Amino acid sequence: MLKVLVTGSSGQVGTNLSLALMKKGVSVLGIDRRPNTWTDQIPLLQRDLAAEGMPTPQMLNTAKPGFDRPDLVVSLAANAKVHELVIDPKRAHENTTTTFNVLEFCRLQQVPVVFSSSREVYGRPEPPSVSEDKADVYHILSPYAAYKMADEMLIYSYAHCYNLKYLIFRLSNVYGRYDSDLQRMTRVIHIFIDQMLRDEPITIYDRHKLIDFTYVDDCISGFMLGIEKLLNNEVVNETFNLSSGSPATLIQLAETIAANLDVTPKIIDKPIRPGEINFYVADLTKAKNLLGYEPKVTFEEGIKRAIEWVLEWNKMVQPDLLKIEHNVY
């Protein structure tokens, strides 16, 4: 049976990907520093990879018997929230410590890695769309982006020096299932949904900011294609944009959510914050040609599904109605 180790398995992408792999009959073990608040179906080794390093094969085997050496590692664990990492850059530095520890594990165990990078490595590119060769170290806008670029460079060096096989996916605003926990909510779509449901004003930092929003099913489809092709040695040592090709401005986002909820949004406009990008639309040509990737969920359909998920989840768990502060990017 194929064995996949997923770091950051309690996050949105980690939860969706782990469940999708398990549905395909893959043996999955997750690693995360916090429990999974969405499901107890994913076997978990709770561990802070930046502070404690990667577990030994013996530790993995204790967490899940027979899982001492995975066939592949998916590296998702990271501190996100771009603006918060501008305020506290040490947390961005922790991301690269985590990545180094993952790469050392992969080197010693001789297993390939699939790494989750970010559109932030492009800085502020020019329209109409951004291809993979447009990343520019001279225009990095935030510590988060700088360390994501450093993560990629580490992976490229390990491929060169140690023959490490990899795929890198640069993600953009993934949203959907397993992403509406009010205690750790950071993504703009679910923040807007929550605040509009509460009849609270929303804050938009640059209403003309144009972003490629990616529904989680499309994201997971790309990962699944990449994992299969990497393990079969069909596509090796490549970096891909992985998004929807369905961009919208933040004001379009607010209006679309409001229309689905049948409310009138109360909008507070503020200028863009340090470290944030104001444009990103991915060129998906490479992912389509090499992986057979085809995003299927439009922006409008994705927002509808996200709202349905939030409403259904709220019914199930009856969340605390205390108001919390949201920092929207």
C-alpha atoms as a PDB file:
ATOM      1  CA  MET A   1       0.000   0.000   0.000  1.00  0.00           C
ATOM      2  CA  LEU A   2       1.242   3.469  -0.903  1.00  0.00           C
ATOM      3  CA  LYS A   3       2.230   5.522   2.167  1.00  0.00           C
ATOM      4  CA  VAL A   4       2.146   9.343   2.164  1.00  0.00           C
ATOM      5  CA  LEU A   5       3.281  11.552   5.034  1.00  0.00           C
ATOM      6  CA  VAL A   6       1.453  14.909   5.105  1.00  0.00           C
ATOM      7  CA  THR A   7       2.890  17.764   7.186  1.00  0.00           C
ATOM      8  CA  GLY A   8       0.407  20.483   8.078  1.00  0.00           C
ATOM      9  CA  SER A   9      -2.349  17.880   7.926  1.00  0.00           C
ATOM     10  CA  SER A  10      -4.714  19.805  10.222  1.00  0.00           C
ATOM     11  CA  GLY A  11      -4.976  22.787   7.885  1.00  0.00           C
ATOM     12  CA  GLN A  12      -7.431  23.250   5.071  1.00  0.00           C
ATOM     13  CA  VAL A  13      -5.353  21.834   2.219  1.00  0.00           C
ATOM     14  CA  GLY A  14      -3.878  19.156   4.473  1.00  0.00           C
ATOM     15  CA  THR A  15      -7.283  17.959   5.637  1.00  0.00           C
ATOM     16  CA  ASN A  16      -8.796  17.864   2.158  1.00  0.00           C
ATOM     17  CA  LEU A  17      -5.739  16.231   0.607  1.00  0.00           C
ATOM     18  CA  SER A  18      -5.372  13.606   3.340  1.00  0.00           C
ATOM     19  CA  LEU A  19      -9.016  12.598   3.043  1.00  0.00           C
ATOM     20  CA  ALA A  20      -8.780  12.460  -0.768  1.00  0.00           C
ATOM     21  CA  LEU A  21      -5.685  10.235  -0.583  1.00  0.00           C
ATOM     22  CA  MET A  22      -7.319   7.951   1.961  1.00  0.00           C
ATOM     23  CA  LYS A  23     -10.378   7.653  -0.267  1.00  0.00           C
ATOM     24  CA  LYS A  24      -8.043   6.361  -2.989  1.00  0.00           C
ATOM     25  CA  GLY A  25      -6.734   3.672  -0.647  1.00  0.00           C
ATOM     26  CA  VAL A  26      -3.498   5.447   0.297  1.00  0.00           C
ATOM     27  CA  SER A  27      -2.117   5.003   3.825  1.00  0.00           C
ATOM     28  CA  VAL A  28      -1.781   8.527   5.258  1.00  0.00           C
ATOM     29  CA  LEU A  29      -0.093   9.812   8.398  1.00  0.00           C
ATOM     30  CA  GLY A  30      -0.426  13.473   9.256  1.00  0.00           C
ATOM     31  CA  ILE A  31       1.935  15.675  11.245  1.00  0.00           C
ATOM     32  CA  ASP A  32       0.782  18.961  12.734  1.00  0.00           C
ATOM     33  CA  ARG A  33       1.443  20.979  15.871  1.00  0.00           C
ATOM     34  CA  ARG A  34      -2.260  21.138  16.631  1.00  0.00           C
ATOM     35  CA  PRO A  35      -5.111  18.612  16.484  1.00  0.00           C
ATOM     36  CA  ASN A  36      -7.414  18.527  13.485  1.00  0.00           C
ATOM     37  CA  THR A  37     -10.602  20.403  14.428  1.00  0.00           C
ATOM     38  CA  TRP A  38     -12.504  19.118  11.390  1.00  0.00           C
ATOM     39  CA  THR A  39     -12.157  15.346  11.482  1.00  0.00           C
ATOM     40  CA  ASP A  40     -10.681  12.503  13.499  1.00  0.00           C
ATOM     41  CA  GLN A  41     -10.305  10.267  10.439  1.00  0.00           C
ATOM     42  CA  ILE A  42      -6.698  11.290   9.702  1.00  0.00           C
ATOM     43  CA  PRO A  43      -4.040   9.515  11.821  1.00  0.00           C
ATOM     44  CA  LEU A  44      -2.003  12.286  13.452  1.00  0.00           C
ATOM     45  CA  LEU A  45       1.394  12.699  15.073  1.00  0.00           C
ATOM     46  CA  GLN A  46       1.213  16.011  16.936  1.00  0.00           C
ATOM     47  CA  ARG A  47       4.575  17.746  16.648  1.00  0.00           C
ATOM     48  CA  ASP A  48       6.063  21.213  16.030  1.00  0.00           C
ATOM     49  CA  LEU A  49       8.417  20.604  13.121  1.00  0.00           C
ATOM     50  CA  ALA A  50      10.216  23.940  13.484  1.00  0.00           C
ATOM     51  CA  ALA A  51      10.978  23.431  17.175  1.00  0.00           C
ATOM     52  CA  GLU A  52      11.327  19.644  17.375  1.00  0.00           C
ATOM     53  CA  GLY A  53      12.390  18.608  13.892  1.00  0.00           C
ATOM     54  CA  MET A  54      10.995  15.704  11.901  1.00  0.00           C
ATOM     55  CA  PRO A  55      10.178  12.494  13.758  1.00  0.00           C
ATOM     56  CA  THR A  56      12.357   9.433  13.346  1.00  0.00           C
ATOM     57  CA  PRO A  57      11.078   6.398  11.433  1.00  0.00           C
ATOM     58  CA  GLN A  58      10.580   4.717  14.815  1.00  0.00           C
ATOM     59  CA  MET A  59       8.324   7.570  15.950  1.00  0.00           C
ATOM     60  CA  LEU A  60       6.323   7.309  12.744  1.00  0.00           C
ATOM     61  CA  ASN A  61       5.932   3.577  13.273  1.00  0.00           C
ATOM     62  CA  THR A  62       4.719   4.171  16.824  1.00  0.00           C
ATOM     63  CA  ALA A  63       2.149   6.699  15.598  1.00  0.00           C
ATOM     64  CA  LYS A  64       0.974   4.337  12.869  1.00  0.00           C
ATOM     65  CA  PRO A  65       2.328   0.767  12.863  1.00  0.00           C
ATOM     66  CA  GLY A  66       3.947  -0.132   9.544  1.00  0.00           C
ATOM     67  CA  PHE A  67       4.502   3.512   8.622  1.00  0.00           C
ATOM     68  CA  ASP A  68       8.227   3.770   9.401  1.00  0.00           C
ATOM     69  CA  ARG A  69       9.169   5.037   5.932  1.00  0.00           C
ATOM     70  CA  PRO A  70       6.708   6.829   3.632  1.00  0.00           C
ATOM     71  CA  ASP A  71       6.835   6.620  -0.151  1.00  0.00           C
ATOM     72  CA  LEU A  72       6.400  10.393  -0.442  1.00  0.00           C
ATOM     73  CA  VAL A  73       6.162  13.482   1.775  1.00  0.00           C
ATOM     74  CA  VAL A  74       3.738  16.332   1.122  1.00  0.00           C
ATOM     75  CA  SER A  75       5.101  19.433   2.844  1.00  0.00           C
ATOM     76  CA  LEU A  76       2.281  21.848   3.747  1.00  0.00           C
ATOM     77  CA  ALA A  77       3.224  22.915   7.284  1.00  0.00           C
ATOM     78  CA  ALA A  78       3.817  26.682   7.493  1.00  0.00           C
ATOM     79  CA  ASN A  79       2.846  29.857   9.279  1.00  0.00           C
ATOM     80  CA  ALA A  80       0.725  31.846   6.849  1.00  0.00           C
ATOM     81  CA  LYS A  81      -1.023  35.242   7.246  1.00  0.00           C
ATOM     82  CA  VAL A  82       1.279  37.474   5.192  1.00  0.00           C
ATOM     83  CA  HIS A  83       0.633  40.705   7.110  1.00  0.00           C
ATOM     84  CA  GLU A  84       0.966  39.045  10.519  1.00  0.00           C
ATOM     85  CA  LEU A  85       4.380  37.734   9.466  1.00  0.00           C
ATOM     86  CA  VAL A  86       5.361  41.276   8.476  1.00  0.00           C
ATOM     87  CA  ILE A  87       4.657  42.201  12.096  1.00  0.00           C
ATOM     88  CA  ASP A  88       6.399  39.090  13.463  1.00  0.00           C
ATOM     89  CA  PRO A  89       9.000  37.960  10.869  1.00  0.00           C
ATOM     90  CA  LYS A  90      10.416  35.302  13.190  1.00  0.00           C
ATOM     91  CA  ARG A  91       7.370  33.196  12.335  1.00  0.00           C
ATOM     92  CA  ALA A  92       8.318  33.431   8.657  1.00  0.00           C
ATOM     93  CA  HIS A  93      11.808  32.242   9.550  1.00  0.00           C
ATOM     94  CA  GLU A  94      10.257  29.215  11.282  1.00  0.00           C
ATOM     95  CA  ASN A  95       8.800  28.166   7.927  1.00  0.00           C
ATOM     96  CA  THR A  96      12.224  27.640   6.408  1.00  0.00           C
ATOM     97  CA  THR A  97      13.430  25.792   9.511  1.00  0.00           C
ATOM     98  CA  THR A  98      10.459  23.465   9.017  1.00  0.00           C
ATOM     99  CA  THR A  99      11.262  23.036   5.330  1.00  0.00           C
ATOM    100  CA  PHE A 100      14.918  22.292   6.071  1.00  0.00           C
ATOM    101  CA  ASN A 101      13.887  19.622   8.562  1.00  0.00           C
ATOM    102  CA  VAL A 102      11.516  18.053   6.039  1.00  0.00           C
ATOM    103  CA  LEU A 103      14.180  18.046   3.336  1.00  0.00           C
ATOM    104  CA  GLU A 104      16.725  16.425   5.649  1.00  0.00           C
ATOM    105  CA  PHE A 105      14.205  13.687   6.414  1.00  0.00           C
ATOM    106  CA  CYS A 106      13.576  13.180   2.690  1.00  0.00           C
ATOM    107  CA  ARG A 107      17.314  13.102   1.970  1.00  0.00           C
ATOM    108  CA  LEU A 108      18.061  10.550   4.651  1.00  0.00           C
ATOM    109  CA  GLN A 109      15.057   8.363   3.826  1.00  0.00           C
ATOM    110  CA  GLN A 110      15.456   8.872   0.055  1.00  0.00           C
ATOM    111  CA  VAL A 111      11.839   9.813  -0.574  1.00  0.00           C
ATOM    112  CA  PRO A 112      10.453  12.514  -2.909  1.00  0.00           C
ATOM    113  CA  VAL A 113       8.678  15.646  -1.700  1.00  0.00           C
ATOM    114  CA  VAL A 114       5.716  17.685  -2.916  1.00  0.00           C
ATOM    115  CA  PHE A 115       6.001  21.209  -1.551  1.00  0.00           C
ATOM    116  CA  SER A 116       3.369  23.907  -1.122  1.00  0.00           C
ATOM    117  CA  SER A 117       4.768  27.309  -2.112  1.00  0.00           C
ATOM    118  CA  SER A 118       2.901  30.538  -2.764  1.00  0.00           C
ATOM    119  CA  ARG A 119       2.037  33.098  -5.401  1.00  0.00           C
ATOM    120  CA  GLU A 120       3.727  35.582  -3.043  1.00  0.00           C
ATOM    121  CA  VAL A 121       7.118  34.712  -4.602  1.00  0.00           C
ATOM    122  CA  TYR A 122       6.122  36.808  -7.634  1.00  0.00           C
ATOM    123  CA  GLY A 123       5.931  40.105  -5.755  1.00  0.00           C
ATOM    124  CA  ARG A 124       3.832  42.519  -7.820  1.00  0.00           C
ATOM    125  CA  PRO A 125       3.926  41.151 -11.362  1.00  0.00           C
ATOM    126  CA  GLU A 126       2.430  42.835 -14.413  1.00  0.00           C
ATOM    127  CA  PRO A 127      -0.867  41.746 -16.025  1.00  0.00           C
ATOM    128  CA  PRO A 128      -2.291  39.857 -17.801  1.00  0.00           C
ATOM    129  CA  SER A 129      -1.014  36.632 -16.179  1.00  0.00           C
ATOM    130  CA  VAL A 130       2.011  35.217 -14.392  1.00  0.00           C
ATOM    131  CA  SER A 131       4.067  32.258 -15.613  1.00  0.00           C
ATOM    132  CA  GLU A 132       6.419  30.227 -13.438  1.00  0.00           C
ATOM    133  CA  ASP A 133       9.557  31.947 -14.744  1.00  0.00           C
ATOM    134  CA  LYS A 134       8.444  35.385 -13.482  1.00  0.00           C
ATOM    135  CA  ALA A 135       9.498  34.940  -9.841  1.00  0.00           C
ATOM    136  CA  ASP A 136      11.956  37.726  -9.021  1.00  0.00           C
ATOM    137  CA  VAL A 137      14.037  37.762  -5.829  1.00  0.00           C
ATOM    138  CA  TYR A 138      14.597  41.516  -6.220  1.00  0.00           C
ATOM    139  CA  HIS A 139      10.889  42.293  -5.825  1.00  0.00           C
ATOM    140  CA  ILE A 140       9.958  40.119  -2.845  1.00  0.00           C
ATOM    141  CA  LEU A 141       7.446  42.093  -0.767  1.00  0.00           C
ATOM    142  CA  SER A 142       7.294  40.338   2.607  1.00  0.00           C
ATOM    143  CA  PRO A 143       9.213  38.039   4.965  1.00  0.00           C
ATOM    144  CA  TYR A 144       6.654  35.323   4.225  1.00  0.00           C
ATOM    145  CA  ALA A 145       7.391  35.594   0.503  1.00  0.00           C
ATOM    146  CA  ALA A 146      11.153  35.765   1.080  1.00  0.00           C
ATOM    147  CA  TYR A 147      11.165  32.573   3.099  1.00  0.00           C
ATOM    148  CA  LYS A 148       8.892  30.804   0.622  1.00  0.00           C
ATOM    149  CA  MET A 149      11.434  31.678  -2.063  1.00  0.00           C
ATOM    150  CA  ALA A 150      14.190  30.422   0.249  1.00  0.00           C
ATOM    151  CA  ASP A 151      12.230  27.185   0.700  1.00  0.00           C
ATOM    152  CA  GLU A 152      12.105  26.715  -3.055  1.00  0.00           C
ATOM    153  CA  MET A 153      15.834  27.419  -3.379  1.00  0.00           C
ATOM    154  CA  LEU A 154      16.584  24.836  -0.707  1.00  0.00           C
ATOM    155  CA  ILE A 155      14.569  22.269  -2.618  1.00  0.00           C
ATOM    156  CA  TYR A 156      16.330  23.086  -5.886  1.00  0.00           C
ATOM    157  CA  SER A 157      19.699  22.713  -4.150  1.00  0.00           C
ATOM    158  CA  TYR A 158      18.735  19.360  -2.616  1.00  0.00           C
ATOM    159  CA  ALA A 159      17.671  18.146  -6.045  1.00  0.00           C
ATOM    160  CA  HIS A 160      21.064  19.174  -7.434  1.00  0.00           C
ATOM    161  CA  CYS A 161      23.246  17.891  -4.579  1.00  0.00           C
ATOM    162  CA  TYR A 162      21.339  14.838  -3.354  1.00  0.00           C
ATOM    163  CA  ASN A 163      19.147  13.834  -6.314  1.00  0.00           C
ATOM    164  CA  LEU A 164      16.014  14.657  -4.321  1.00  0.00           C
ATOM    165  CA  LYS A 165      12.919  14.370  -6.503  1.00  0.00           C
ATOM    166  CA  TYR A 166      10.313  17.085  -6.023  1.00  0.00           C
ATOM    167  CA  LEU A 167       7.318  18.990  -7.300  1.00  0.00           C
ATOM    168  CA  ILE A 168       6.530  22.524  -6.130  1.00  0.00           C
ATOM    169  CA  PHE A 169       3.038  24.022  -6.316  1.00  0.00           C
ATOM    170  CA  ARG A 170       2.579  27.780  -5.988  1.00  0.00           C
ATOM    171  CA  LEU A 171      -0.893  28.208  -4.508  1.00  0.00           C
ATOM    172  CA  SER A 172      -3.211  31.221  -4.525  1.00  0.00           C
ATOM    173  CA  ASN A 173      -6.046  31.885  -2.049  1.00  0.00           C
ATOM    174  CA  VAL A 174      -7.335  28.352  -1.624  1.00  0.00           C
ATOM    175  CA  TYR A 175     -10.808  28.327  -0.061  1.00  0.00           C
ATOM    176  CA  GLY A 176     -13.730  25.992   0.587  1.00  0.00           C
ATOM    177  CA  ARG A 177     -14.290  23.049   2.945  1.00  0.00           C
ATOM    178  CA  TYR A 178     -12.524  22.875   6.307  1.00  0.00           C
ATOM    179  CA  ASP A 179     -11.719  26.549   6.453  1.00  0.00           C
ATOM    180  CA  SER A 180     -14.323  28.261   8.641  1.00  0.00           C
ATOM    181  CA  ASP A 181     -12.925  27.859  12.163  1.00  0.00           C
ATOM    182  CA  LEU A 182     -13.545  31.270  13.760  1.00  0.00           C
ATOM    183  CA  GLN A 183     -10.707  30.837  16.266  1.00  0.00           C
ATOM    184  CA  ARG A 184      -8.062  30.637  13.549  1.00  0.00           C
ATOM    185  CA  MET A 185      -9.862  32.105  10.549  1.00  0.00           C
ATOM    186  CA  THR A 186      -7.489  34.044   8.323  1.00  0.00           C
ATOM    187  CA  ARG A 187      -8.708  33.772   4.738  1.00  0.00           C
ATOM    188  CA  VAL A 188     -10.622  36.658   3.326  1.00  0.00           C
ATOM    189  CA  ILE A 189     -13.559  34.703   1.863  1.00  0.00           C
ATOM    190  CA  HIS A 190     -14.590  33.045   5.105  1.00  0.00           C
ATOM    191  CA  ILE A 191     -13.961  36.214   7.074  1.00  0.00           C
ATOM    192  CA  PHE A 192     -16.312  38.125   4.775  1.00  0.00           C
ATOM    193  CA  ILE A 193     -18.947  35.376   5.020  1.00  0.00           C
ATOM    194  CA  ASP A 194     -18.754  35.361   8.807  1.00  0.00           C
ATOM    195  CA  GLN A 195     -18.917  39.132   9.154  1.00  0.00           C
ATOM    196  CA  MET A 196     -21.815  39.527   6.724  1.00  0.00           C
ATOM    197  CA  LEU A 197     -23.760  36.796   8.523  1.00  0.00           C
ATOM    198  CA  ARG A 198     -23.268  38.814  11.718  1.00  0.00           C
ATOM    199  CA  ASP A 199     -24.244  42.082   9.958  1.00  0.00           C
ATOM    200  CA  GLU A 200     -20.780  43.454  10.730  1.00  0.00           C
ATOM    201  CA  PRO A 201     -18.823  45.779   8.433  1.00  0.00           C
ATOM    202  CA  ILE A 202     -16.058  44.261   6.357  1.00  0.00           C
ATOM    203  CA  THR A 203     -12.683  45.892   5.786  1.00  0.00           C
ATOM    204  CA  ILE A 204     -11.192  45.824   2.299  1.00  0.00           C
ATOM    205  CA  TYR A 205      -7.529  46.675   1.874  1.00  0.00           C
ATOM    206  CA  ASP A 206      -7.577  47.937  -1.747  1.00  0.00           C
ATOM    207  CA  ARG A 207     -10.888  47.079  -3.404  1.00  0.00           C
ATOM    208  CA  HIS A 208      -9.234  46.921  -6.839  1.00  0.00           C
ATOM    209  CA  LYS A 209      -6.791  44.189  -5.823  1.00  0.00           C
ATOM    210  CA  LEU A 210      -7.211  41.351  -8.353  1.00  0.00           C
ATOM    211  CA  ILE A 211      -6.574  37.824  -7.064  1.00  0.00           C
ATOM    212  CA  ASP A 212      -6.828  34.308  -8.481  1.00  0.00           C
ATOM    213  CA  PHE A 213      -9.107  32.575  -5.960  1.00  0.00           C
ATOM    214  CA  THR A 214      -8.833  28.763  -5.990  1.00  0.00           C
ATOM    215  CA  TYR A 215     -11.616  26.457  -4.868  1.00  0.00           C
ATOM    216  CA  VAL A 216     -10.166  23.645  -2.788  1.00  0.00           C
ATOM    217  CA  ASP A 217     -11.355  20.818  -5.066  1.00  0.00           C
ATOM    218  CA  ASP A 218      -9.271  22.226  -7.914  1.00  0.00           C
ATOM    219  CA  CYS A 219      -6.263  22.567  -5.631  1.00  0.00           C
ATOM    220  CA  ILE A 220      -6.559  18.959  -4.458  1.00  0.00           C
ATOM    221  CA  SER A 221      -7.003  17.756  -8.036  1.00  0.00           C
ATOM    222  CA  GLY A 222      -3.667  19.335  -8.924  1.00  0.00           C
ATOM    223  CA  PHE A 223      -1.915  17.761  -5.945  1.00  0.00           C
ATOM    224  CA  MET A 224      -3.337  14.330  -6.737  1.00  0.00           C
ATOM    225  CA  LEU A 225      -2.189  14.547 -10.356  1.00  0.00           C
ATOM    226  CA  GLY A 226       1.251  15.703  -9.264  1.00  0.00           C
ATOM    227  CA  ILE A 227       1.679  12.971  -6.649  1.00  0.00           C
ATOM    228  CA  GLU A 228       0.770  10.256  -9.153  1.00  0.00           C
ATOM    229  CA  LYS A 229       3.074  11.573 -11.859  1.00  0.00           C
ATOM    230  CA  LEU A 230       5.982  12.160  -9.482  1.00  0.00           C
ATOM    231  CA  LEU A 231       5.767   8.652  -8.045  1.00  0.00           C
ATOM    232  CA  ASN A 232       5.617   7.229 -11.575  1.00  0.00           C
ATOM    233  CA  ASN A 233       8.615   9.382 -12.623  1.00  0.00           C
ATOM    234  CA  GLU A 234       6.492  10.933 -15.360  1.00  0.00           C
ATOM    235  CA  VAL A 235       6.919  14.517 -14.109  1.00  0.00           C
ATOM    236  CA  VAL A 236       9.898  15.202 -11.857  1.00  0.00           C
ATOM    237  CA  ASN A 237      11.600  18.336 -10.501  1.00  0.00           C
ATOM    238  CA  GLU A 238       9.117  20.904 -11.783  1.00  0.00           C
ATOM    239  CA  THR A 239       7.480  24.022 -10.314  1.00  0.00           C
ATOM    240  CA  PHE A 240       3.841  24.801 -11.131  1.00  0.00           C
ATOM    241  CA  ASN A 241       1.263  27.492 -10.616  1.00  0.00           C
ATOM    242  CA  LEU A 242      -1.805  25.839  -9.131  1.00  0.00           C
ATOM    243  CA  SER A 243      -4.919  27.994  -9.076  1.00  0.00           C
ATOM    244  CA  SER A 244      -8.275  28.446 -10.736  1.00  0.00           C
ATOM    245  CA  GLY A 245      -7.714  30.909 -13.549  1.00  0.00           C
ATOM    246  CA  SER A 246     -10.882  32.562 -12.200  1.00  0.00           C
ATOM    247  CA  PRO A 247      -9.774  35.913 -10.694  1.00  0.00           C
ATOM    248  CA  ALA A 248     -11.834  38.607  -9.014  1.00  0.00           C
ATOM    249  CA  THR A 249     -11.254  41.920  -7.276  1.00  0.00           C
ATOM    250  CA  LEU A 250     -11.917  42.202  -3.560  1.00  0.00           C
ATOM    251  CA  ILE A 251     -14.966  44.368  -4.227  1.00  0.00           C
ATOM    252  CA  GLN A 252     -16.302  41.697  -6.624  1.00  0.00           C
ATOM    253  CA  LEU A 253     -15.683  39.141  -3.906  1.00  0.00           C
ATOM    254  CA  ALA A 254     -17.629  41.161  -1.349  1.00  0.00           C
ATOM    255  CA  GLU A 255     -20.514  41.769  -3.747  1.00  0.00           C
ATOM    256  CA  THR A 256     -20.702  38.094  -4.779  1.00  0.00           C
ATOM    257  CA  ILE A 257     -20.819  36.910  -1.176  1.00  0.00           C
ATOM    258  CA  ALA A 258     -23.424  39.556  -0.313  1.00  0.00           C
ATOM    259  CA  ALA A 259     -25.595  38.537  -3.262  1.00  0.00           C
ATOM    260  CA  ASN A 260     -25.515  34.871  -2.200  1.00  0.00           C
ATOM    261  CA  LEU A 261     -26.403  35.814   1.389  1.00  0.00           C
ATOM    262  CA  ASP A 262     -29.002  38.365   0.221  1.00  0.00           C
ATOM    263  CA  VAL A 263     -27.470  41.151   2.314  1.00  0.00           C
ATOM    264  CA  THR A 264     -26.091  44.609   1.680  1.00  0.00           C
ATOM    265  CA  PRO A 265     -22.403  44.694   2.639  1.00  0.00           C
ATOM    266  CA  LYS A 266     -21.085  47.433   4.909  1.00  0.00           C
ATOM    267  CA  ILE A 267     -17.655  48.187   3.512  1.00  0.00           C
ATOM    268  CA  ILE A 268     -14.738  49.988   5.128  1.00  0.00           C
ATOM    269  CA  ASP A 269     -12.076  50.885   2.571  1.00  0.00           C
ATOM    270  CA  LYS A 270      -8.412  50.994   3.575  1.00  0.00           C
ATOM    271  CA  PRO A 271      -5.185  51.149   1.557  1.00  0.00           C
ATOM    272  CA  ILE A 272      -3.143  48.049   0.841  1.00  0.00           C
ATOM    273  CA  ARG A 273      -0.869  47.023   3.725  1.00  0.00           C
ATOM    274  CA  PRO A 274       2.901  46.488   3.696  1.00  0.00           C
ATOM    275  CA  GLY A 275       3.899  43.123   2.259  1.00  0.00           C
ATOM    276  CA  GLU A 276       0.702  42.539   0.308  1.00  0.00           C
ATOM    277  CA  ILE A 277       0.365  42.034  -3.430  1.00  0.00           C
ATOM    278  CA  ASN A 278      -2.245  43.856  -5.522  1.00  0.00           C
ATOM    279  CA  PHE A 279      -2.412  41.542  -8.560  1.00  0.00           C
ATOM    280  CA  TYR A 280      -2.084  37.856  -9.294  1.00  0.00           C
ATOM    281  CA  VAL A 281      -3.599  35.832 -12.113  1.00  0.00           C
ATOM    282  CA  ALA A 282      -1.794  32.565 -12.797  1.00  0.00           C
ATOM    283  CA  ASP A 283      -0.707  31.275 -16.172  1.00  0.00           C
ATOM    284  CA  LEU A 284      -1.716  27.604 -15.913  1.00  0.00           C
ATOM    285  CA  THR A 285      -0.278  26.473 -19.255  1.00  0.00           C
ATOM    286  CA  LYS A 286       2.525  24.417 -17.715  1.00  0.00           C
ATOM    287  CA  ALA A 287       0.270  22.581 -15.252  1.00  0.00           C
ATOM    288  CA  LYS A 288      -2.229  21.836 -18.002  1.00  0.00           C
ATOM    289  CA  ASN A 289       0.416  20.545 -20.412  1.00  0.00           C
ATOM    290  CA  LEU A 290       2.519  18.462 -18.006  1.00  0.00           C
ATOM    291  CA  LEU A 291      -0.030  17.351 -15.408  1.00  0.00           C
ATOM    292  CA  GLY A 292      -3.270  17.394 -17.349  1.00  0.00           C
ATOM    293  CA  TYR A 293      -4.591  19.874 -14.780  1.00  0.00           C
ATOM    294  CA  GLU A 294      -7.939  21.497 -15.601  1.00  0.00           C
ATOM    295  CA  PRO A 295      -9.635  23.680 -12.957  1.00  0.00           C
ATOM    296  CA  LYS A 296     -13.382  23.117 -13.021  1.00  0.00           C
ATOM    297  CA  VAL A 297     -14.904  25.405 -10.375  1.00  0.00           C
ATOM    298  CA  THR A 298     -15.603  28.988 -11.401  1.00  0.00           C
ATOM    299  CA  PHE A 299     -15.324  31.848  -8.953  1.00  0.00           C
ATOM    300  CA  GLU A 300     -19.107  32.238  -8.737  1.00  0.00           C
ATOM    301  CA  GLU A 301     -19.714  28.525  -8.192  1.00  0.00           C
ATOM    302  CA  GLY A 302     -16.890  28.276  -5.679  1.00  0.00           C
ATOM    303  CA  ILE A 303     -18.264  31.126  -3.574  1.00  0.00           C
ATOM    304  CA  LYS A 304     -21.694  29.488  -3.606  1.00  0.00           C
ATOM    305  CA  ARG A 305     -20.206  26.185  -2.405  1.00  0.00           C
ATOM    306  CA  ALA A 306     -18.112  27.922   0.268  1.00  0.00           C
ATOM    307  CA  ILE A 307     -21.166  29.665   1.686  1.00  0.00           C
ATOM    308  CA  GLU A 308     -23.146  26.424   1.688  1.00  0.00           C
ATOM    309  CA  TRP A 309     -20.299  24.741   3.577  1.00  0.00           C
ATOM    310  CA  VAL A 310     -20.135  27.493   6.202  1.00  0.00           C
ATOM    311  CA  LEU A 311     -23.894  27.476   6.780  1.00  0.00           C
ATOM    312  CA  GLU A 312     -23.987  23.680   7.073  1.00  0.00           C
ATOM    313  CA  TRP A 313     -20.971  23.580   9.385  1.00  0.00           C
ATOM    314  CA  ASN A 314     -22.442  26.294  11.598  1.00  0.00           C
ATOM    315  CA  LYS A 315     -25.581  24.221  12.011  1.00  0.00           C
ATOM    316  CA  MET A 316     -23.525  21.199  13.037  1.00  0.00           C
ATOM    317  CA  VAL A 317     -21.196  22.752  15.578  1.00  0.00           C
ATOM    318  CA  GLN A 318     -23.142  25.817  16.828  1.00  0.00           C
ATOM    319  CA  PRO A 319     -19.993  27.987  17.096  1.00  0.00           C
ATOM    320  CA  ASP A 320     -19.327  30.556  19.758  1.00  0.00           C
ATOM    321  CA  LEU A 321     -21.021  33.751  18.662  1.00  0.00           C
ATOM    322  CA  LEU A 322     -18.504  36.017  20.362  1.00  0.00           C
ATOM    323  CA  LYS A 323     -17.164  38.562  17.916  1.00  0.00           C
ATOM    324  CA  ILE A 324     -13.489  38.234  17.070  1.00  0.00           C
ATOM    325  CA  GLU A 325     -11.134  40.587  15.295  1.00  0.00           C
ATOM    326  CA  HIS A 326     -10.402  39.765  11.663  1.00  0.00           C
ATOM    327  CA  ASN A 327      -7.394  41.019   9.711  1.00  0.00           C
ATOM    328  CA  VAL A 328      -8.310  40.700   6.042  1.00  0.00           C
ATOM    329  CA  TYR A 329      -5.809  40.630   3.254  1.00  0.00           C
END
